[in-house]
């Protein structure tokens, strides 16, 4: 007959993870922030990170800056939109990531969509009536397309007549254009000094359909109708 086992003399095996946690040096704050961002399915706010890690928002901000410096030479980046941040892959390897995941190539945006998106990016928060005032045309269809593509998001209603919805760009916008934050957008001054694409190169590119505003501007600036109209065949001489 087997002897009864004395529970006091048999120690339960200590889990390996618990043993490592007990003996390893504590993680630095940047490493803890990195862990939370890696585990988060959605962009995390600075306040939520600070509360979880029992740190101040300034300490979390410093930790994020340290991570961003370390990531300059690695395959991931910190992407920020206002008070929210997330981890993303480096834009330089976007095509290979898409190929690895078997993702379809993102459809190109139309000229009207890009024009509207630029207005939102540089004027956010901005309402649809303000966008239409700038573009000079109705923007219902374009705005619906941008919302469906998750490139713009609603930011709450404005304190004005009718309380129209205000819009801003989303994290998908930053990913689409390979930006870490909206602070990387070129300034208006920089846009004015960008080199113009040579005419020879333009002939090789598909020519986008001009926007309504562009057509109106071209018509208004033309000295006469013959400047923009295609050449007409000469009428035969009268007999």
Protein backbone atom coordinates (compact mmCIF):
# COMPACT_ATOMS: atom_id res chain seq x y z
CA UNK A 1 0.00 0.00 0.00
CA UNK A 2 1.39 3.40 -0.96
CA UNK A 3 2.11 5.88 1.79
CA UNK A 4 0.03 9.07 2.00
CA UNK A 5 1.69 12.12 0.52
CA UNK A 6 2.47 14.91 2.95
CA UNK A 7 1.36 18.10 1.24
CA UNK A 8 3.77 20.15 3.32
CA UNK A 9 6.76 18.30 1.88
CA UNK A 10 5.68 18.63 -1.79
CA UNK A 11 6.19 22.09 -3.28
CA UNK A 12 4.13 23.02 -6.33
CA UNK A 13 6.34 23.83 -9.36
CA UNK A 14 6.68 27.57 -9.83
CA UNK A 15 5.55 28.74 -13.27
CA UNK A 16 8.46 29.73 -15.48
CA UNK A 17 6.90 33.07 -16.35
CA UNK A 18 6.39 33.94 -12.70
CA UNK A 19 9.99 32.94 -11.92
CA UNK A 20 11.34 35.13 -14.71
CA UNK A 21 9.16 38.05 -13.62
CA UNK A 22 10.42 37.71 -10.06
CA UNK A 23 14.11 37.59 -10.98
CA UNK A 24 14.33 39.87 -14.06
CA UNK A 25 14.99 43.59 -13.79
CA UNK A 26 11.86 45.77 -14.06
CA UNK A 27 11.06 47.03 -17.55
CA UNK A 28 11.71 50.66 -18.36
CA UNK A 29 8.74 52.94 -18.95
CA UNK A 30 9.35 53.05 -22.74
CA UNK A 31 9.34 49.23 -22.79
CA UNK A 32 6.08 49.15 -20.82
CA UNK A 33 4.47 51.67 -23.20
CA UNK A 34 5.65 49.54 -26.13
CA UNK A 35 4.02 46.45 -24.62
CA UNK A 36 0.68 48.19 -24.18
CA UNK A 37 0.72 49.60 -27.69
CA UNK A 38 1.57 46.17 -29.11
CA UNK A 39 -1.31 44.55 -27.21
CA UNK A 40 -3.86 47.26 -28.04
CA UNK A 41 -6.25 46.58 -30.92
CA UNK A 42 -7.14 50.26 -31.21
CA UNK A 43 -5.10 53.46 -30.96
CA UNK A 44 -4.39 54.21 -27.29
CA UNK A 45 -4.71 57.60 -25.64
CA UNK A 46 -1.87 59.17 -23.68
CA UNK A 47 -4.14 59.46 -20.63
CA UNK A 48 -5.06 55.76 -20.72
CA UNK A 49 -1.39 54.76 -20.93
CA UNK A 50 -0.47 57.07 -18.05
CA UNK A 51 -3.29 55.75 -15.86
CA UNK A 52 -2.43 52.11 -16.56
CA UNK A 53 1.29 52.60 -15.89
CA UNK A 54 0.86 54.87 -12.86
CA UNK A 55 2.84 57.57 -14.64
CA UNK A 56 2.28 61.18 -15.57
CA UNK A 57 1.34 62.17 -19.09
CA UNK A 58 4.68 63.99 -19.39
CA UNK A 59 6.55 60.79 -18.50
CA UNK A 60 4.54 58.87 -21.10
CA UNK A 61 5.23 61.56 -23.70
CA UNK A 62 8.98 61.27 -22.99
CA UNK A 63 8.77 57.47 -23.27
CA UNK A 64 7.03 57.77 -26.65
CA UNK A 65 9.74 60.13 -27.90
CA UNK A 66 12.40 57.61 -26.86
CA UNK A 67 10.58 54.83 -28.69
CA UNK A 68 10.21 56.97 -31.82
CA UNK A 69 13.98 57.56 -31.84
CA UNK A 70 14.70 53.83 -31.47
CA UNK A 71 12.26 52.95 -34.25
CA UNK A 72 13.98 55.15 -36.85
CA UNK A 73 16.21 52.22 -37.80
CA UNK A 74 13.64 49.47 -37.31
CA UNK A 75 10.63 48.16 -39.20
CA UNK A 76 7.93 49.74 -37.04
CA UNK A 77 6.89 53.31 -36.35
CA UNK A 78 4.79 55.22 -33.84
CA UNK A 79 1.84 56.89 -35.52
CA UNK A 80 0.06 59.72 -33.74
CA UNK A 81 -3.20 61.55 -34.33
CA UNK A 82 -3.89 64.11 -31.62
CA UNK A 83 -3.86 62.39 -28.24
CA UNK A 84 -3.97 58.85 -29.68
CA UNK A 85 -1.04 56.72 -30.80
CA UNK A 86 -0.49 53.26 -32.25
CA UNK A 87 2.26 51.04 -33.64
CA UNK A 88 2.42 50.60 -37.44
CA UNK A 89 4.82 49.11 -39.95
CA UNK A 90 7.35 51.38 -41.64
CA UNK A 91 5.91 52.99 -44.81
CA UNK A 92 9.11 52.11 -46.70
CA UNK A 93 8.09 48.44 -46.68
CA UNK A 94 4.37 48.93 -47.32
CA UNK A 95 4.38 47.13 -50.69
CA UNK A 96 6.11 44.07 -49.23
CA UNK A 97 3.73 43.98 -46.26
CA UNK A 98 0.77 44.06 -48.65
CA UNK A 99 2.31 41.28 -50.71
CA UNK A 100 3.02 39.18 -47.59
CA UNK A 101 -0.55 39.59 -46.29
CA UNK A 102 -2.11 39.09 -49.73
CA UNK A 103 -3.87 42.45 -49.62
CA UNK A 104 -5.28 44.00 -52.75
CA UNK A 105 -3.72 47.24 -53.91
CA UNK A 106 -5.60 50.24 -52.59
CA UNK A 107 -7.65 51.99 -55.27
CA UNK A 108 -6.41 55.43 -56.16
CA UNK A 109 -8.39 58.44 -55.05
CA UNK A 110 -9.96 60.74 -57.61
CA UNK A 111 -8.76 64.31 -58.04
CA UNK A 112 -11.93 65.59 -56.34
CA UNK A 113 -11.42 63.26 -53.38
CA UNK A 114 -7.78 64.33 -52.99
CA UNK A 115 -8.78 67.98 -53.18
CA UNK A 116 -11.43 67.53 -50.49
CA UNK A 117 -9.10 65.45 -48.34
CA UNK A 118 -6.45 68.17 -48.49
CA UNK A 119 -9.00 70.76 -47.34
CA UNK A 120 -9.94 68.58 -44.36
CA UNK A 121 -6.30 67.85 -43.47
CA UNK A 122 -5.25 71.50 -43.47
CA UNK A 123 -8.40 72.97 -41.91
CA UNK A 124 -9.56 70.34 -39.40
CA UNK A 125 -11.86 70.46 -37.62
CA UNK A 126 -13.89 71.63 -40.60
CA UNK A 127 -17.57 71.33 -41.55
CA UNK A 128 -19.03 70.25 -44.90
CA UNK A 129 -20.49 73.72 -45.62
CA UNK A 130 -17.00 75.19 -45.10
CA UNK A 131 -15.51 72.61 -47.48
CA UNK A 132 -18.15 73.35 -50.11
CA UNK A 133 -17.49 77.08 -49.73
CA UNK A 134 -13.79 76.49 -50.47
CA UNK A 135 -14.37 74.06 -53.38
CA UNK A 136 -17.36 75.88 -54.81
CA UNK A 137 -19.30 72.65 -55.46
CA UNK A 138 -21.47 70.15 -53.60
CA UNK A 139 -19.32 67.61 -51.72
CA UNK A 140 -21.91 65.03 -50.59
CA UNK A 141 -20.63 62.23 -52.84
CA UNK A 142 -16.94 62.87 -52.15
CA UNK A 143 -17.47 63.11 -48.39
CA UNK A 144 -19.41 59.83 -48.41
CA UNK A 145 -16.55 58.17 -50.30
CA UNK A 146 -13.93 59.47 -47.88
CA UNK A 147 -16.00 58.34 -44.88
CA UNK A 148 -16.55 54.90 -46.43
CA UNK A 149 -12.79 54.59 -46.93
CA UNK A 150 -12.26 55.65 -43.28
CA UNK A 151 -10.00 58.50 -44.39
CA UNK A 152 -12.00 61.12 -42.46
CA UNK A 153 -13.82 60.89 -39.13
CA UNK A 154 -16.53 62.85 -37.36
CA UNK A 155 -15.26 65.13 -34.57
CA UNK A 156 -18.55 66.29 -33.10
CA UNK A 157 -20.92 69.09 -34.03
CA UNK A 158 -19.95 72.75 -34.34
CA UNK A 159 -21.43 75.45 -32.11
CA UNK A 160 -22.92 77.35 -35.04
CA UNK A 161 -26.26 77.65 -36.82
CA UNK A 162 -27.58 74.18 -37.62
CA UNK A 163 -24.76 72.54 -35.64
CA UNK A 164 -23.10 70.92 -38.68
CA UNK A 165 -20.78 67.97 -38.17
CA UNK A 166 -17.06 68.72 -38.01
CA UNK A 167 -14.55 66.44 -39.74
CA UNK A 168 -10.89 65.59 -39.41
CA UNK A 169 -8.49 63.05 -40.89
CA UNK A 170 -8.19 59.52 -39.47
CA UNK A 171 -5.41 57.06 -38.71
CA UNK A 172 -6.18 55.41 -42.05
CA UNK A 173 -5.37 58.74 -43.69
CA UNK A 174 -1.94 58.74 -42.02
CA UNK A 175 -1.36 55.14 -43.13
CA UNK A 176 -2.53 55.85 -46.69
CA UNK A 177 0.04 58.63 -47.09
CA UNK A 178 2.77 57.07 -44.92
CA UNK A 179 2.74 59.81 -42.26
CA UNK A 180 3.60 59.51 -38.57
CA UNK A 181 1.30 62.42 -37.72
CA UNK A 182 -0.38 65.40 -39.36
CA UNK A 183 2.64 67.48 -38.30
CA UNK A 184 4.52 65.83 -41.19
CA UNK A 185 2.18 67.42 -43.74
CA UNK A 186 4.08 70.00 -45.81
CA UNK A 187 3.26 73.61 -44.98
CA UNK A 188 1.40 75.77 -47.47
CA UNK A 189 4.66 77.65 -48.10
CA UNK A 190 6.44 74.39 -48.92
CA UNK A 191 3.66 73.39 -51.30
CA UNK A 192 4.06 76.66 -53.19
CA UNK A 193 7.80 75.99 -53.67
CA UNK A 194 7.51 72.38 -54.84
CA UNK A 195 9.04 71.82 -58.30
CA UNK A 196 6.56 71.55 -61.16
CA UNK A 197 6.50 68.20 -62.94
CA UNK A 198 8.11 68.53 -66.42
CA UNK A 199 5.70 68.43 -69.36
CA UNK A 200 7.45 65.33 -70.77
CA UNK A 201 6.76 63.46 -67.56
CA UNK A 202 3.16 64.60 -67.47
CA UNK A 203 2.57 63.00 -70.88
CA UNK A 204 3.46 59.62 -69.39
CA UNK A 205 1.05 60.00 -66.48
CA UNK A 206 -2.70 59.32 -66.67
CA UNK A 207 -4.46 62.64 -66.81
CA UNK A 208 -7.00 62.92 -63.96
CA UNK A 209 -10.42 64.31 -64.65
CA UNK A 210 -10.42 68.01 -63.74
CA UNK A 211 -12.59 69.07 -60.82
CA UNK A 212 -15.58 71.35 -61.24
CA UNK A 213 -13.66 74.17 -59.55
CA UNK A 214 -10.70 73.67 -61.88
CA UNK A 215 -12.93 73.78 -64.96
CA UNK A 216 -14.62 76.97 -63.77
CA UNK A 217 -11.26 78.60 -63.03
CA UNK A 218 -9.86 77.63 -66.44
CA UNK A 219 -12.92 79.01 -68.25
CA UNK A 220 -12.83 82.27 -66.29
CA UNK A 221 -9.11 82.85 -66.90
CA UNK A 222 -9.25 82.16 -70.67
CA UNK A 223 -9.04 85.35 -72.80
CA UNK A 224 -11.58 84.03 -75.31
CA UNK A 225 -13.36 80.86 -76.29
CA UNK A 226 -10.87 80.06 -79.07
CA UNK A 227 -8.11 79.69 -76.48
CA UNK A 228 -9.68 76.61 -74.93
CA UNK A 229 -11.83 75.25 -77.74
CA UNK A 230 -10.36 72.63 -80.10
CA UNK A 231 -9.44 73.92 -83.59
CA UNK A 232 -12.35 73.81 -86.02
CA UNK A 233 -11.93 72.81 -89.70
CA UNK A 234 -12.00 75.72 -92.12
CA UNK A 235 -15.25 76.24 -94.02
CA UNK A 236 -15.01 75.54 -97.78
CA UNK A 237 -14.68 78.61 -99.98
CA UNK A 238 -17.87 79.79 -101.62
CA UNK A 239 -18.15 78.89 -105.31
